[in-house]
């Protein structure tokens, strides 16, 4: 007698019943490995973006601060959530009489602010 099965790869398969395929300990270990792997993939990108943005903001602030306030002795860029220019990088003068002064908002992704043309109201 010959028995024919439509799925020969399932020949002899016995289901596990109500038991889970993997133990709770194995599932927890797999979750931890996946979470650590995702963090290792995403974190370098975030750190690189933050470092590049900080360097760009410092350079842009060093260019725009003397233009906005010729008496300044230096400049500093800070990331602020609730700054004068809103969310993003803010440029401040350093060492001016009366303390640090907000010179220009540089934006979430810092860029050099455009110089106003003569006769243009800013």
Protein backbone atom coordinates (compact mmCIF):
# COMPACT_ATOMS: atom_id res chain seq x y z
CA UNK A 1 0.00 0.00 0.00
CA UNK A 2 1.32 3.38 -1.00
CA UNK A 3 0.37 6.59 0.80
CA UNK A 4 0.71 9.82 -1.09
CA UNK A 5 1.02 13.17 0.69
CA UNK A 6 0.63 16.61 -0.86
CA UNK A 7 3.29 18.00 1.51
CA UNK A 8 6.15 15.50 1.77
CA UNK A 9 8.20 17.94 3.89
CA UNK A 10 5.58 17.66 6.65
CA UNK A 11 5.71 13.85 6.66
CA UNK A 12 6.16 12.70 10.24
CA UNK A 13 5.58 16.16 11.77
CA UNK A 14 4.12 16.10 15.25
CA UNK A 15 2.92 19.47 16.59
CA UNK A 16 4.18 20.66 19.98
CA UNK A 17 0.68 21.09 21.31
CA UNK A 18 0.13 23.92 23.79
CA UNK A 19 3.85 24.30 24.53
CA UNK A 20 5.54 27.36 22.98
CA UNK A 21 8.19 26.69 20.36
CA UNK A 22 10.88 28.53 22.36
CA UNK A 23 11.24 28.94 26.11
CA UNK A 24 10.65 32.26 27.87
CA UNK A 25 14.37 32.51 28.63
CA UNK A 26 15.30 32.05 24.96
CA UNK A 27 12.73 34.64 23.84
CA UNK A 28 14.05 37.16 26.39
CA UNK A 29 17.62 36.56 25.22
CA UNK A 30 16.56 37.05 21.58
CA UNK A 31 14.75 40.29 22.45
CA UNK A 32 17.82 41.64 24.24
CA UNK A 33 20.07 40.74 21.29
CA UNK A 34 17.68 42.43 18.83
CA UNK A 35 17.40 45.60 20.95
CA UNK A 36 21.19 45.83 21.40
CA UNK A 37 21.64 45.30 17.66
CA UNK A 38 19.18 48.06 16.79
CA UNK A 39 20.83 50.47 19.22
CA UNK A 40 24.24 49.63 17.71
CA UNK A 41 22.87 50.42 14.25
CA UNK A 42 21.04 53.66 15.10
CA UNK A 43 23.24 55.29 17.76
CA UNK A 44 26.30 55.97 15.55
CA UNK A 45 24.11 57.81 13.03
CA UNK A 46 22.58 59.98 15.74
CA UNK A 47 25.99 60.79 17.26
CA UNK A 48 27.49 61.60 13.86
CA UNK A 49 24.59 63.90 12.97
CA UNK A 50 24.81 65.70 16.32
CA UNK A 51 28.58 66.15 16.04
CA UNK A 52 28.38 67.41 12.46
CA UNK A 53 25.54 69.81 13.35
CA UNK A 54 27.49 71.19 16.33
CA UNK A 55 30.60 71.80 14.21
CA UNK A 56 28.54 73.46 11.47
CA UNK A 57 26.71 75.65 14.00
CA UNK A 58 29.99 76.77 15.60
CA UNK A 59 31.46 77.70 12.20
CA UNK A 60 28.32 79.52 11.09
CA UNK A 61 28.17 81.39 14.39
CA UNK A 62 31.84 82.38 14.10
CA UNK A 63 31.03 83.94 10.72
CA UNK A 64 27.75 85.69 11.56
CA UNK A 65 28.50 86.97 15.12
CA UNK A 66 31.12 89.61 14.15
CA UNK A 67 28.86 90.77 11.33
CA UNK A 68 25.90 91.27 13.69
CA UNK A 69 27.94 92.69 16.60
CA UNK A 70 31.38 94.08 15.66
CA UNK A 71 32.37 94.55 19.35
CA UNK A 72 32.10 90.86 20.19
CA UNK A 73 35.16 88.98 21.41
CA UNK A 74 33.87 85.58 20.33
CA UNK A 75 30.84 83.48 19.60
CA UNK A 76 29.15 80.34 20.83
CA UNK A 77 26.44 78.11 19.39
CA UNK A 78 23.98 76.20 21.59
CA UNK A 79 21.13 73.82 20.76
CA UNK A 80 17.96 74.99 22.48
CA UNK A 81 14.45 73.59 22.57
CA UNK A 82 12.79 76.87 23.57
CA UNK A 83 15.23 79.53 22.40
CA UNK A 84 14.47 82.98 21.01
CA UNK A 85 14.43 81.61 17.47
CA UNK A 86 12.50 78.46 18.34
CA UNK A 87 13.75 74.89 18.21
CA UNK A 88 17.30 74.61 16.92
CA UNK A 89 20.77 76.08 17.14
CA UNK A 90 21.17 79.61 18.50
CA UNK A 91 24.20 81.85 18.01
CA UNK A 92 25.40 83.98 20.95
CA UNK A 93 28.12 86.60 21.29
CA UNK A 94 30.67 85.95 24.04
CA UNK A 95 32.49 88.54 26.12
CA UNK A 96 30.41 91.53 25.07
CA UNK A 97 29.53 94.21 27.59
CA UNK A 98 26.29 93.21 29.31
CA UNK A 99 26.77 89.46 28.91
CA UNK A 100 26.07 87.02 26.13
CA UNK A 101 23.55 88.15 23.55
CA UNK A 102 21.51 86.09 21.10
CA UNK A 103 22.68 87.10 17.64
CA UNK A 104 20.88 84.78 15.23
CA UNK A 105 18.87 81.57 15.08
CA UNK A 106 20.70 79.03 12.93
CA UNK A 107 17.84 76.53 12.61
CA UNK A 108 17.42 72.86 13.38
CA UNK A 109 20.00 71.99 10.72
CA UNK A 110 22.42 74.90 11.08
CA UNK A 111 23.21 77.12 8.14
CA UNK A 112 24.71 80.55 7.74
CA UNK A 113 21.91 83.14 7.82
CA UNK A 114 21.60 85.15 4.63
CA UNK A 115 22.95 88.66 4.74
CA UNK A 116 20.24 91.29 4.20
CA UNK A 117 20.56 93.36 1.07
CA UNK A 118 20.85 97.17 1.46
CA UNK A 119 17.42 98.74 1.95
CA UNK A 120 15.83 95.42 2.94
CA UNK A 121 14.03 95.28 6.29
CA UNK A 122 15.03 92.25 8.37
